[in-house]
N, C-alpha and C. Protein backbone atom coordinates (compact mmCIF):
# COMPACT_ATOMS: atom_id res chain seq x y z
N MET A 1 10.96 -6.65 13.57
CA MET A 1 11.33 -5.11 13.66
C MET A 1 10.85 -3.61 12.85
N PHE A 2 10.41 -2.85 13.50
CA PHE A 2 10.00 -1.91 12.42
C PHE A 2 11.44 -0.81 12.17
N PHE A 3 11.04 -0.81 10.62
CA PHE A 3 12.33 -0.24 10.16
C PHE A 3 11.58 0.84 9.23
N ILE A 4 12.38 1.77 8.98
CA ILE A 4 12.31 2.90 7.70
C ILE A 4 12.84 2.95 7.04
N LYS A 5 12.02 3.25 5.73
CA LYS A 5 12.45 2.75 4.14
C LYS A 5 11.84 3.84 3.49
N PRO A 6 12.49 4.93 3.58
CA PRO A 6 11.95 6.36 2.81
C PRO A 6 12.24 5.97 1.07
N PRO A 7 11.62 6.59 0.38
CA PRO A 7 11.60 6.53 -1.10
C PRO A 7 13.11 7.21 -1.36
N GLY A 8 13.75 6.54 -1.93
CA GLY A 8 15.13 7.11 -2.66
C GLY A 8 16.42 6.51 -1.80
N VAL A 9 15.70 5.70 -1.06
CA VAL A 9 17.00 5.02 0.01
C VAL A 9 17.17 3.73 -0.31
N TYR A 10 17.81 2.74 -0.58
CA TYR A 10 18.10 1.68 -1.48
C TYR A 10 17.15 0.65 -0.35
N ALA A 11 16.27 0.05 -0.50
CA ALA A 11 15.66 -0.62 0.71
C ALA A 11 16.36 -2.01 0.91
N PRO A 12 16.50 -3.17 1.90
CA PRO A 12 16.90 -4.34 1.63
C PRO A 12 16.00 -5.19 0.87
N GLN A 13 16.98 -6.07 0.25
CA GLN A 13 16.79 -6.91 -1.03
C GLN A 13 17.49 -7.88 -0.94
N GLU A 14 17.03 -9.18 -1.85
CA GLU A 14 17.71 -10.47 -1.67
C GLU A 14 19.17 -10.39 -1.42
N ASP A 15 19.84 -9.18 -1.80
CA ASP A 15 21.04 -9.00 -2.04
C ASP A 15 21.75 -8.92 -0.35
N THR A 16 20.85 -8.11 0.50
CA THR A 16 20.77 -7.41 1.22
C THR A 16 20.79 -9.06 2.58
N GLY A 17 19.35 -9.55 2.32
CA GLY A 17 19.29 -10.91 3.40
C GLY A 17 20.74 -11.84 2.82
N MET A 18 21.17 -11.82 2.06
CA MET A 18 22.34 -12.93 1.48
C MET A 18 23.48 -12.67 2.34
N LEU A 19 23.54 -11.08 1.96
CA LEU A 19 24.93 -10.79 3.36
C LEU A 19 24.43 -10.43 4.83
N ALA A 20 23.37 -10.77 5.00
CA ALA A 20 22.97 -10.82 6.36
C ALA A 20 23.27 -12.46 6.93
N ALA A 21 22.87 -13.02 6.08
CA ALA A 21 22.84 -14.54 6.51
C ALA A 21 24.32 -14.58 6.40
N ALA A 22 25.69 -14.37 5.72
CA ALA A 22 26.71 -14.49 5.64
C ALA A 22 27.43 -13.65 6.98
N LEU A 23 26.91 -12.59 7.48
CA LEU A 23 27.04 -11.78 8.84
C LEU A 23 27.18 -12.59 9.69
N ARG A 24 25.91 -13.73 10.19
CA ARG A 24 25.39 -14.26 11.14
C ARG A 24 26.67 -15.50 10.86
N ARG A 25 27.07 -15.95 10.28
CA ARG A 25 27.98 -17.09 10.37
C ARG A 25 29.38 -16.63 10.94
N GLU A 26 29.66 -15.49 10.57
CA GLU A 26 30.95 -14.61 10.95
C GLU A 26 31.15 -14.95 12.56
N SER A 27 30.18 -15.08 13.67
CA SER A 27 30.77 -14.75 15.08
C SER A 27 31.43 -13.51 15.56
N LEU A 28 30.90 -12.33 15.64
CA LEU A 28 31.52 -11.29 15.62
C LEU A 28 31.76 -11.32 16.92
N ARG A 29 33.39 -11.26 17.41
CA ARG A 29 33.87 -10.75 19.19
C ARG A 29 32.90 -9.56 19.51
N PRO A 30 32.75 -9.79 21.05
CA PRO A 30 32.30 -8.64 21.27
C PRO A 30 33.23 -6.94 20.89
N GLY A 31 32.58 -5.86 20.73
CA GLY A 31 33.29 -4.92 20.08
C GLY A 31 34.15 -4.68 18.90
N ALA A 32 33.98 -5.85 18.04
CA ALA A 32 34.94 -6.15 16.69
C ALA A 32 33.98 -4.71 15.71
N GLU A 33 35.18 -3.77 15.25
CA GLU A 33 34.96 -3.12 14.38
C GLU A 33 34.41 -3.55 13.39
N VAL A 34 33.45 -3.00 12.89
CA VAL A 34 32.75 -3.25 11.54
C VAL A 34 32.60 -2.04 10.70
N LEU A 35 32.93 -2.33 9.44
CA LEU A 35 32.47 -1.23 8.15
C LEU A 35 31.65 -1.99 7.46
N ASP A 36 30.15 -1.37 7.16
CA ASP A 36 28.94 -1.22 6.26
C ASP A 36 29.59 -0.56 4.89
N VAL A 37 29.37 -0.65 3.65
CA VAL A 37 29.91 0.10 2.93
C VAL A 37 28.50 0.39 2.09
N GLY A 38 27.85 1.05 1.77
CA GLY A 38 26.83 1.65 0.99
C GLY A 38 25.91 0.81 1.91
N THR A 39 25.51 1.46 2.98
CA THR A 39 24.81 0.96 3.85
C THR A 39 23.01 1.34 3.41
N GLY A 40 23.02 2.42 2.53
CA GLY A 40 21.64 2.04 1.97
C GLY A 40 20.66 2.70 3.32
N SER A 41 19.83 2.04 3.90
CA SER A 41 18.85 1.76 5.06
C SER A 41 19.56 1.46 6.30
N GLY A 42 20.66 0.84 6.20
CA GLY A 42 21.29 0.85 7.51
C GLY A 42 20.93 -0.95 7.81
N ALA A 43 19.99 -1.05 7.35
CA ALA A 43 19.75 -3.06 7.66
C ALA A 43 20.97 -3.38 8.09
N LEU A 44 21.82 -3.75 7.66
CA LEU A 44 23.25 -4.64 8.05
C LEU A 44 24.18 -4.19 8.82
N ALA A 45 24.33 -2.86 9.05
CA ALA A 45 24.66 -1.82 9.68
C ALA A 45 24.18 -2.01 11.32
N VAL A 46 22.64 -2.14 11.44
CA VAL A 46 21.39 -2.54 12.54
C VAL A 46 21.97 -3.96 12.51
N ALA A 47 21.98 -5.03 11.97
CA ALA A 47 22.37 -6.12 12.20
C ALA A 47 23.61 -6.73 13.14
N ALA A 48 24.51 -5.94 12.52
CA ALA A 48 26.08 -6.40 13.14
C ALA A 48 26.17 -5.58 14.63
N ALA A 49 25.45 -4.27 14.65
CA ALA A 49 25.45 -4.19 15.90
C ALA A 49 24.81 -4.97 17.00
N ARG A 50 23.49 -5.32 16.50
CA ARG A 50 22.96 -6.21 17.22
C ARG A 50 23.77 -7.72 18.04
N LEU A 51 24.41 -8.24 16.91
CA LEU A 51 25.21 -8.73 17.01
C LEU A 51 26.95 -8.94 18.25
N GLY A 52 27.06 -7.28 18.20
CA GLY A 52 27.90 -6.93 19.33
C GLY A 52 29.15 -5.80 18.54
N GLY A 53 28.74 -5.73 17.21
CA GLY A 53 29.79 -4.65 16.51
C GLY A 53 29.77 -3.51 17.06
N ARG A 54 31.30 -2.79 16.77
CA ARG A 54 30.96 -1.19 16.76
C ARG A 54 31.11 -0.88 15.32
N VAL A 55 30.35 -0.54 14.72
CA VAL A 55 29.74 -0.07 13.34
C VAL A 55 29.75 1.11 12.86
N THR A 56 30.76 1.17 12.17
CA THR A 56 30.46 2.41 11.30
C THR A 56 30.18 2.57 9.62
N ALA A 57 29.04 2.95 9.52
CA ALA A 57 28.07 3.03 8.14
C ALA A 57 28.46 4.19 7.38
N ILE A 58 29.04 3.57 6.26
CA ILE A 58 29.14 4.91 4.70
C ILE A 58 28.17 4.81 3.71
N ASP A 59 27.55 5.57 3.24
CA ASP A 59 26.57 6.01 2.19
C ASP A 59 27.10 6.97 1.28
N ALA A 60 27.13 7.07 -0.07
CA ALA A 60 27.04 8.44 -0.50
C ALA A 60 26.10 9.21 -0.68
N ALA A 61 24.83 8.63 -0.08
CA ALA A 61 23.34 9.94 -0.31
C ALA A 61 23.12 10.45 1.02
N PHE A 62 23.09 11.16 0.96
CA PHE A 62 23.30 12.01 2.54
C PHE A 62 21.43 11.64 3.66
N ALA A 63 20.63 11.28 2.37
CA ALA A 63 19.16 10.98 2.95
C ALA A 63 19.72 9.21 3.13
N ALA A 64 20.49 8.23 2.96
CA ALA A 64 20.76 6.90 3.03
C ALA A 64 21.22 7.55 4.92
N VAL A 65 22.08 8.49 5.24
CA VAL A 65 22.96 8.42 6.33
C VAL A 65 22.07 8.42 7.22
N LEU A 66 20.72 9.67 6.83
CA LEU A 66 20.08 9.86 7.97
C LEU A 66 18.87 8.94 8.52
N THR A 67 18.99 7.94 7.47
CA THR A 67 17.70 6.76 7.90
C THR A 67 18.35 5.94 8.53
N THR A 68 19.77 5.51 7.96
CA THR A 68 20.72 4.56 9.07
C THR A 68 20.38 4.86 10.33
N ARG A 69 20.61 6.21 10.62
CA ARG A 69 20.75 6.70 11.98
C ARG A 69 19.76 6.41 13.00
N LEU A 70 18.46 6.85 12.12
CA LEU A 70 16.98 6.75 12.65
C LEU A 70 16.81 5.06 12.99
N ASN A 71 17.03 4.14 11.94
CA ASN A 71 16.95 2.81 12.38
C ASN A 71 17.70 2.56 13.41
N ALA A 72 19.23 3.06 13.75
CA ALA A 72 19.86 2.72 14.71
C ALA A 72 19.54 3.00 15.61
N TRP A 73 19.29 4.14 16.25
CA TRP A 73 18.08 4.72 16.90
C TRP A 73 16.61 3.87 17.73
N ILE A 74 15.68 3.47 16.33
CA ILE A 74 15.16 2.87 16.42
C ILE A 74 15.28 1.23 17.16
N ALA A 75 16.27 0.37 16.59
CA ALA A 75 16.75 -0.46 17.45
C ALA A 75 17.37 -0.42 18.62
N GLY A 76 17.36 0.66 19.01
CA GLY A 76 18.26 0.66 20.11
C GLY A 76 19.62 0.75 20.40
N GLN A 77 20.29 0.91 19.08
CA GLN A 77 21.72 0.52 18.90
C GLN A 77 22.42 2.02 18.25
N ARG A 78 21.93 3.01 18.42
CA ARG A 78 22.66 4.02 18.17
C ARG A 78 24.17 4.71 18.59
N ASN A 79 24.22 4.07 19.92
CA ASN A 79 25.56 3.84 20.33
C ASN A 79 26.77 3.24 19.53
N ARG A 80 26.06 2.26 19.01
CA ARG A 80 27.13 1.16 18.10
C ARG A 80 27.09 1.29 16.71
N VAL A 81 26.22 2.60 16.44
CA VAL A 81 26.32 2.72 14.56
C VAL A 81 26.52 4.16 14.62
N SER A 82 27.60 4.24 13.74
CA SER A 82 28.10 5.89 13.36
C SER A 82 27.85 5.55 12.03
N ALA A 83 27.14 6.77 11.32
CA ALA A 83 26.58 6.92 9.82
C ALA A 83 27.29 7.75 9.38
N ARG A 84 27.81 7.94 8.35
CA ARG A 84 28.42 8.70 7.41
C ARG A 84 28.46 8.80 6.14
N ARG A 85 28.29 10.02 5.82
CA ARG A 85 28.27 10.40 4.15
C ARG A 85 29.79 10.40 3.79
N GLY A 86 30.15 10.34 2.49
CA GLY A 86 31.32 10.16 1.72
C GLY A 86 31.64 8.85 0.47
N ASP A 87 32.33 9.56 0.02
CA ASP A 87 32.80 8.53 -1.09
C ASP A 87 33.45 6.93 -1.07
N LEU A 88 32.44 6.12 -1.04
CA LEU A 88 33.02 5.00 -0.68
C LEU A 88 33.92 4.34 0.43
N LEU A 89 35.49 4.70 0.44
CA LEU A 89 36.17 4.20 1.73
C LEU A 89 36.78 5.23 2.24
N ARG A 90 36.55 6.33 1.55
CA ARG A 90 37.47 7.91 1.27
C ARG A 90 37.13 8.20 3.40
N PRO A 91 36.14 7.96 3.78
CA PRO A 91 35.80 8.51 5.05
C PRO A 91 36.38 7.41 6.12
N VAL A 92 37.29 6.48 5.83
CA VAL A 92 37.72 5.63 6.97
C VAL A 92 39.23 5.34 6.69
N ALA A 93 39.75 6.24 5.32
CA ALA A 93 41.21 6.09 5.07
C ALA A 93 41.98 5.88 6.38
N GLY A 94 42.65 4.87 6.39
CA GLY A 94 43.88 4.63 7.27
C GLY A 94 43.19 3.70 8.69
N ARG A 95 42.45 3.71 8.71
CA ARG A 95 41.41 2.68 9.99
C ARG A 95 41.18 1.14 9.36
N HIS A 96 41.73 0.51 10.23
CA HIS A 96 41.36 -0.98 9.94
C HIS A 96 40.19 -1.69 10.79
N PHE A 97 39.60 -2.67 10.11
CA PHE A 97 38.45 -3.16 10.73
C PHE A 97 38.28 -4.78 10.70
N ASP A 98 37.43 -5.46 11.50
CA ASP A 98 37.40 -7.14 11.81
C ASP A 98 36.80 -7.51 10.65
N LEU A 99 35.66 -6.47 10.39
CA LEU A 99 34.64 -7.17 9.14
C LEU A 99 34.16 -5.99 8.47
N VAL A 100 34.26 -6.07 7.18
CA VAL A 100 33.90 -5.00 6.12
C VAL A 100 32.53 -6.00 5.37
N MET A 101 31.59 -5.15 5.23
CA MET A 101 30.77 -5.81 4.55
C MET A 101 30.27 -4.98 3.59
N ALA A 102 29.66 -5.44 2.25
CA ALA A 102 29.72 -3.99 1.31
C ALA A 102 28.75 -4.85 -0.02
N ASN A 103 27.32 -3.93 -0.21
CA ASN A 103 26.85 -4.34 -1.13
C ASN A 103 26.48 -2.94 -2.10
N PRO A 104 27.31 -2.97 -2.97
CA PRO A 104 28.19 -2.12 -3.85
C PRO A 104 26.94 -1.54 -5.29
N PRO A 105 26.78 -0.82 -5.85
CA PRO A 105 26.24 -1.01 -7.09
C PRO A 105 26.75 -1.97 -8.54
N TYR A 106 26.25 -2.80 -8.99
CA TYR A 106 26.54 -3.24 -10.01
C TYR A 106 25.88 -4.06 -10.87
N VAL A 107 24.85 -3.12 -10.92
CA VAL A 107 23.77 -3.51 -12.42
C VAL A 107 24.68 -2.91 -13.83
N PRO A 108 24.93 -3.41 -14.32
CA PRO A 108 25.53 -2.86 -15.90
C PRO A 108 24.65 -2.00 -16.24
N SER A 109 25.14 -0.90 -17.13
CA SER A 109 24.71 0.22 -17.43
C SER A 109 25.04 0.44 -18.44
N ALA A 110 24.55 1.52 -19.42
CA ALA A 110 25.03 1.70 -21.08
C ALA A 110 26.18 3.36 -20.69
N ALA A 111 25.72 3.74 -19.58
CA ALA A 111 26.32 5.13 -19.32
C ALA A 111 27.64 4.82 -18.71
N ARG A 112 29.00 5.26 -19.46
CA ARG A 112 30.37 5.17 -18.55
C ARG A 112 29.92 6.00 -17.40
N MET A 113 29.62 7.28 -17.21
CA MET A 113 29.64 7.89 -16.14
C MET A 113 28.74 7.53 -14.61
N LEU A 114 29.08 7.50 -13.98
CA LEU A 114 28.29 6.45 -12.70
C LEU A 114 27.26 8.41 -12.76
N PRO A 115 26.19 7.76 -12.10
CA PRO A 115 25.19 8.87 -11.93
C PRO A 115 25.86 9.26 -10.68
N SER A 116 25.69 11.05 -10.40
CA SER A 116 25.93 11.69 -9.04
C SER A 116 24.85 12.00 -8.18
N GLY A 117 23.58 11.65 -8.56
CA GLY A 117 22.51 11.56 -7.37
C GLY A 117 21.32 10.73 -8.04
N GLY A 118 20.39 10.59 -7.29
CA GLY A 118 19.06 9.99 -7.66
C GLY A 118 19.22 8.84 -7.47
N ARG A 119 17.97 8.09 -7.58
CA ARG A 119 18.00 6.67 -7.29
C ARG A 119 18.91 5.71 -8.04
N ALA A 120 19.53 5.79 -8.99
CA ALA A 120 20.01 4.72 -10.16
C ALA A 120 21.43 4.94 -9.62
N ARG A 121 22.15 6.10 -8.41
CA ARG A 121 23.17 5.86 -7.83
C ARG A 121 23.61 4.85 -7.12
N ALA A 122 22.45 3.79 -6.47
CA ALA A 122 22.65 2.90 -5.94
C ALA A 122 22.72 1.85 -6.49
N TRP A 123 22.32 1.65 -7.57
CA TRP A 123 22.59 0.47 -8.59
C TRP A 123 23.70 0.25 -9.89
N ASP A 124 23.57 1.79 -10.44
CA ASP A 124 24.07 1.50 -11.61
C ASP A 124 26.01 1.85 -11.73
N ALA A 125 27.04 1.08 -12.71
CA ALA A 125 28.02 0.35 -12.24
C ALA A 125 28.57 0.43 -13.53
N GLY A 126 28.05 1.30 -14.49
CA GLY A 126 29.26 1.57 -15.61
C GLY A 126 28.60 -0.01 -16.47
N PRO A 127 29.20 -0.03 -17.98
CA PRO A 127 29.10 -0.92 -18.80
C PRO A 127 29.09 -2.45 -18.64
N ASP A 128 30.17 -2.68 -17.74
CA ASP A 128 30.69 -4.20 -16.83
C ASP A 128 30.11 -4.17 -15.95
N GLY A 129 29.28 -3.49 -15.11
CA GLY A 129 28.99 -3.57 -13.72
C GLY A 129 30.18 -3.29 -12.69
N ARG A 130 31.08 -3.34 -13.13
CA ARG A 130 32.49 -3.38 -12.30
C ARG A 130 33.12 -1.84 -11.38
N ALA A 131 32.11 -0.78 -11.82
CA ALA A 131 32.99 0.61 -11.58
C ALA A 131 33.63 1.10 -10.46
N VAL A 132 32.46 -0.07 -9.65
CA VAL A 132 32.54 0.40 -7.96
C VAL A 132 33.22 -1.08 -7.49
N LEU A 133 33.07 -2.19 -8.46
CA LEU A 133 33.08 -3.43 -7.46
C LEU A 133 35.07 -2.85 -7.46
N ASP A 134 35.15 -2.76 -9.04
CA ASP A 134 37.00 -2.69 -8.91
C ASP A 134 37.44 -1.50 -7.86
N ARG A 135 36.98 -0.48 -7.47
CA ARG A 135 37.79 0.44 -6.47
C ARG A 135 37.81 -0.66 -4.95
N LEU A 136 36.32 -1.50 -4.45
CA LEU A 136 36.43 -1.79 -3.46
C LEU A 136 37.71 -3.05 -3.08
N CYS A 137 38.04 -3.94 -4.44
CA CYS A 137 38.87 -4.47 -4.95
C CYS A 137 40.40 -4.19 -4.31
N ALA A 138 40.20 -3.12 -5.12
CA ALA A 138 41.72 -2.78 -5.10
C ALA A 138 41.88 -1.77 -3.66
N GLU A 139 40.73 -1.36 -2.79
CA GLU A 139 40.74 -0.43 -1.67
C GLU A 139 40.47 -1.20 -0.15
N ALA A 140 39.72 -2.02 -0.38
CA ALA A 140 39.44 -2.82 0.92
C ALA A 140 40.05 -3.57 1.91
N PRO A 141 41.25 -4.25 0.81
CA PRO A 141 41.96 -5.08 1.20
C PRO A 141 42.94 -4.39 2.23
N ALA A 142 43.32 -2.94 2.39
CA ALA A 142 43.93 -2.52 2.88
C ALA A 142 43.30 -1.78 4.43
N LEU A 143 41.80 -2.03 4.48
CA LEU A 143 41.00 -2.06 5.72
C LEU A 143 41.03 -3.04 6.80
N LEU A 144 41.31 -4.31 6.28
CA LEU A 144 41.38 -5.50 6.93
C LEU A 144 42.52 -5.58 8.18
N ALA A 145 41.97 -5.26 9.26
CA ALA A 145 42.80 -5.87 10.24
C ALA A 145 43.36 -7.46 10.35
N PRO A 146 44.59 -7.99 10.79
CA PRO A 146 44.99 -9.39 10.37
C PRO A 146 43.58 -10.77 10.98
N GLY A 147 43.16 -10.99 10.26
CA GLY A 147 42.03 -12.11 10.62
C GLY A 147 40.94 -11.31 10.23
N GLY A 148 40.81 -9.89 9.19
CA GLY A 148 39.87 -9.79 9.00
C GLY A 148 39.00 -9.89 7.63
N VAL A 149 37.56 -9.69 7.77
CA VAL A 149 36.85 -10.68 6.74
C VAL A 149 36.41 -9.39 5.59
N LEU A 150 36.61 -9.72 4.31
CA LEU A 150 35.33 -9.10 3.68
C LEU A 150 34.52 -9.72 2.79
N LEU A 151 33.64 -9.10 3.10
CA LEU A 151 31.79 -9.75 2.53
C LEU A 151 31.34 -9.28 1.75
N LEU A 152 30.97 -9.50 0.66
CA LEU A 152 31.05 -8.58 -0.75
C LEU A 152 29.96 -9.60 -1.53
N VAL A 153 28.58 -8.51 -1.87
CA VAL A 153 27.58 -9.36 -2.60
C VAL A 153 27.81 -8.26 -4.06
N HIS A 154 27.29 -9.62 -5.22
CA HIS A 154 27.37 -8.71 -6.56
C HIS A 154 26.45 -9.73 -7.47
N SER A 155 26.25 -9.60 -8.91
CA SER A 155 25.61 -10.70 -9.45
C SER A 155 26.75 -11.03 -10.60
N VAL A 156 26.37 -12.34 -11.17
CA VAL A 156 27.36 -13.15 -11.47
C VAL A 156 27.40 -12.33 -13.21
N LEU A 157 26.02 -11.06 -13.55
CA LEU A 157 26.85 -10.34 -14.55
C LEU A 157 27.90 -9.41 -14.43
N CYS A 158 28.45 -9.37 -13.51
CA CYS A 158 29.64 -8.43 -13.41
C CYS A 158 31.17 -9.59 -12.91
N ASP A 159 30.96 -10.76 -13.25
CA ASP A 159 32.34 -11.76 -13.49
C ASP A 159 32.84 -11.74 -11.90
N PRO A 160 32.17 -12.83 -11.36
CA PRO A 160 32.63 -13.07 -9.87
C PRO A 160 34.23 -13.43 -10.12
N ALA A 161 34.25 -14.18 -10.94
CA ALA A 161 36.34 -15.02 -11.52
C ALA A 161 36.55 -13.24 -11.21
N ARG A 162 36.71 -12.10 -11.69
CA ARG A 162 37.53 -10.99 -11.87
C ARG A 162 37.66 -10.65 -10.44
N THR A 163 36.34 -10.58 -9.15
CA THR A 163 36.53 -10.30 -8.34
C THR A 163 37.53 -11.05 -7.35
N LEU A 164 37.20 -12.40 -7.54
CA LEU A 164 38.26 -13.41 -7.02
C LEU A 164 39.56 -13.46 -7.18
N ASP A 165 40.08 -13.41 -8.40
CA ASP A 165 41.42 -13.01 -8.97
C ASP A 165 41.81 -11.75 -8.30
N LEU A 166 41.10 -10.55 -8.15
CA LEU A 166 41.78 -9.22 -7.63
C LEU A 166 42.06 -9.35 -6.12
N LEU A 167 40.76 -10.29 -5.55
CA LEU A 167 41.16 -10.27 -4.21
C LEU A 167 42.40 -10.89 -3.82
N ASP A 168 41.89 -12.20 -4.40
CA ASP A 168 43.62 -13.22 -3.89
C ASP A 168 44.71 -12.58 -3.94
N GLY A 169 44.30 -11.84 -5.34
CA GLY A 169 46.26 -11.03 -5.78
C GLY A 169 46.66 -9.98 -4.81
N ALA A 170 45.38 -9.62 -4.04
CA ALA A 170 45.81 -8.78 -2.72
C ALA A 170 46.41 -9.30 -1.60
N GLY A 171 46.31 -10.73 -1.77
CA GLY A 171 46.91 -11.47 -0.73
C GLY A 171 45.49 -12.40 0.38
N LEU A 172 44.37 -12.17 -0.17
CA LEU A 172 43.14 -12.26 0.87
C LEU A 172 42.84 -13.89 0.19
N ARG A 173 42.50 -14.74 1.41
CA ARG A 173 42.18 -15.82 0.46
C ARG A 173 40.74 -16.13 0.32
N THR A 174 40.46 -16.30 -0.76
CA THR A 174 38.76 -16.13 -1.36
C THR A 174 38.18 -17.17 -1.52
N SER A 175 36.87 -17.56 -1.42
CA SER A 175 35.62 -18.38 -1.67
C SER A 175 34.29 -17.53 -2.34
N VAL A 176 33.73 -18.36 -2.51
CA VAL A 176 31.79 -18.09 -2.92
C VAL A 176 31.21 -18.78 -2.21
N THR A 177 30.58 -17.93 -0.91
CA THR A 177 29.83 -18.65 0.26
C THR A 177 28.66 -19.27 -0.18
N ASP A 178 27.83 -18.04 -1.10
CA ASP A 178 26.36 -18.26 -1.08
C ASP A 178 26.30 -18.05 -2.50
N ARG A 179 25.27 -18.51 -3.07
CA ARG A 179 24.75 -18.30 -4.54
C ARG A 179 22.98 -18.41 -4.44
N ARG A 180 22.56 -17.48 -4.91
CA ARG A 180 21.16 -17.52 -5.48
C ARG A 180 20.47 -17.09 -6.45
N ILE A 181 19.80 -17.40 -7.43
CA ILE A 181 19.10 -17.37 -8.37
C ILE A 181 17.56 -16.59 -8.12
N ILE A 182 17.45 -15.36 -8.98
CA ILE A 182 16.13 -14.75 -8.10
C ILE A 182 15.32 -14.13 -9.91
N PRO A 183 14.49 -13.95 -9.59
CA PRO A 183 14.22 -13.49 -11.34
C PRO A 183 14.22 -11.85 -11.11
N PHE A 184 14.85 -10.96 -12.84
CA PHE A 184 15.33 -10.08 -12.67
C PHE A 184 14.23 -8.99 -12.04
N GLY A 185 14.90 -7.91 -11.18
CA GLY A 185 13.63 -6.60 -10.87
C GLY A 185 13.53 -6.10 -12.14
N PRO A 186 12.71 -4.71 -11.79
CA PRO A 186 12.42 -3.56 -12.38
C PRO A 186 13.49 -3.34 -13.48
N VAL A 187 14.66 -2.89 -12.84
CA VAL A 187 15.57 -2.36 -13.80
C VAL A 187 16.25 -3.38 -14.76
N LEU A 188 16.78 -4.58 -14.18
CA LEU A 188 17.06 -5.42 -15.24
C LEU A 188 16.10 -5.91 -16.14
N ARG A 189 15.02 -5.76 -16.02
CA ARG A 189 13.93 -6.13 -16.69
C ARG A 189 13.59 -4.71 -18.02
N GLU A 190 13.72 -3.75 -17.21
CA GLU A 190 13.97 -2.65 -18.55
C GLU A 190 15.12 -2.59 -19.70
N ARG A 191 16.32 -3.29 -18.60
CA ARG A 191 17.86 -2.81 -19.73
C ARG A 191 17.55 -4.69 -20.65
N ALA A 192 17.11 -5.49 -20.19
CA ALA A 192 17.14 -6.92 -20.65
C ALA A 192 17.24 -6.62 -22.37
N PRO A 193 16.99 -5.97 -23.21
CA PRO A 193 17.36 -5.86 -24.59
C PRO A 193 18.46 -5.43 -24.31
N TRP A 194 18.94 -4.36 -23.94
CA TRP A 194 20.72 -3.86 -23.99
C TRP A 194 22.05 -4.86 -23.65
N LEU A 195 21.02 -5.25 -22.63
CA LEU A 195 22.15 -6.76 -21.69
C LEU A 195 22.17 -7.68 -22.93
N GLU A 196 21.47 -8.17 -23.70
CA GLU A 196 21.20 -9.34 -24.55
C GLU A 196 22.02 -8.52 -25.94
N ALA A 197 22.07 -7.63 -25.99
CA ALA A 197 22.69 -7.19 -26.97
C ALA A 197 24.35 -6.71 -26.64
N GLN A 198 24.44 -6.90 -25.59
CA GLN A 198 25.89 -6.45 -25.27
C GLN A 198 26.74 -8.34 -24.93
N GLY A 199 25.82 -8.82 -24.61
CA GLY A 199 26.22 -10.34 -24.35
C GLY A 199 26.22 -10.45 -22.99
N LEU A 200 25.22 -9.87 -22.40
CA LEU A 200 25.56 -10.21 -20.49
C LEU A 200 24.75 -11.43 -20.20
N ILE A 201 23.83 -11.27 -21.05
CA ILE A 201 22.08 -12.32 -20.56
C ILE A 201 22.15 -13.21 -22.11
N ALA A 202 21.27 -13.93 -21.61
CA ALA A 202 20.75 -15.05 -23.07
C ALA A 202 19.82 -14.21 -23.12
N PRO A 203 19.37 -14.85 -24.76
CA PRO A 203 18.24 -14.52 -25.27
C PRO A 203 17.38 -14.91 -24.82
N GLY A 204 16.35 -14.04 -24.11
CA GLY A 204 14.92 -14.66 -22.98
C GLY A 204 15.05 -14.84 -21.76
N GLN A 205 16.65 -14.42 -21.33
CA GLN A 205 16.81 -14.55 -19.90
C GLN A 205 15.54 -13.68 -18.66
N GLU A 206 15.44 -13.61 -17.65
CA GLU A 206 14.67 -13.83 -17.11
C GLU A 206 15.09 -13.73 -15.52
N LYS A 207 16.12 -14.37 -15.14
CA LYS A 207 16.24 -14.19 -13.69
C LYS A 207 18.14 -14.17 -13.65
N GLU A 208 18.65 -13.80 -12.77
CA GLU A 208 20.12 -13.64 -12.53
C GLU A 208 20.13 -14.08 -11.27
N GLU A 209 21.67 -14.49 -11.26
CA GLU A 209 22.59 -15.40 -10.35
C GLU A 209 23.17 -14.29 -9.40
N LEU A 210 23.26 -14.19 -7.71
CA LEU A 210 23.66 -13.43 -7.15
C LEU A 210 24.65 -14.44 -6.92
N VAL A 211 25.83 -13.27 -5.90
CA VAL A 211 26.94 -13.96 -5.14
C VAL A 211 27.43 -13.84 -4.39
N VAL A 212 27.60 -14.48 -2.98
CA VAL A 212 28.29 -13.44 -1.62
C VAL A 212 30.05 -14.28 -1.93
N ILE A 213 30.81 -13.33 -1.99
CA ILE A 213 32.11 -13.84 -1.60
C ILE A 213 32.82 -13.48 -0.55
N ARG A 214 33.69 -14.10 -0.02
CA ARG A 214 33.88 -14.30 1.32
C ARG A 214 35.85 -13.97 1.30
N ALA A 215 36.37 -12.74 1.91
CA ALA A 215 37.74 -12.53 1.71
C ALA A 215 38.30 -12.46 2.82
N ARG A 216 39.42 -13.41 2.95
CA ARG A 216 39.73 -13.17 4.57
C ARG A 216 41.50 -12.88 4.60
N ARG A 217 42.20 -11.97 5.47
CA ARG A 217 43.13 -11.61 5.65
C ARG A 217 43.62 -12.61 6.58
N PRO A 218 44.94 -13.25 6.19
CA PRO A 218 45.74 -14.08 7.04
C PRO A 218 46.05 -13.34 8.21
N ALA A 219 45.57 -14.28 9.85
CA ALA A 219 46.08 -13.51 10.91
C ALA A 219 47.69 -13.31 11.18
């Protein structure tokens, strides 16, 4: 399928593919309410719509929102995808979803302040990589309908055990459903000396492991 991926908008990568595979296993009922957090180019939003979901897609970047709307239109899914600009989950406060997907920024960075714009906003996540992940773990459980599922992807560099603990503590039933080891991309290669100095990677390490975490609210 033809897909628009303009410069400056997060394009589908390995983590997107892992979430897409996890999404396909969920067997969405027709009309299921789906939330795609940090939609980027809208690849996951379109995939969920094609499976029958009614999708709300959120991104902080206006260019990503426009790209998602265009890709939904190209895919013939514009009536099933509503793309909104906003800060993480604020645009959907008070709503409930059958499925929430999130591919948040999770790359550790030396800067404590998150970028307010530019390409780095799609990946920079503070010194431990958890600036956005911790917010998601705190806020996403309240958005899940009974029996609803959260699918969340991130790197092992930012402590999946903490993610599991936080979601368990919110009353969700959690598991790691997918793991994949991939070579460092350009950002991690450039940051390797700093990551090594912080003890986040081993000397000479050139690969990272990604995980998908599934968390379900009991029915």
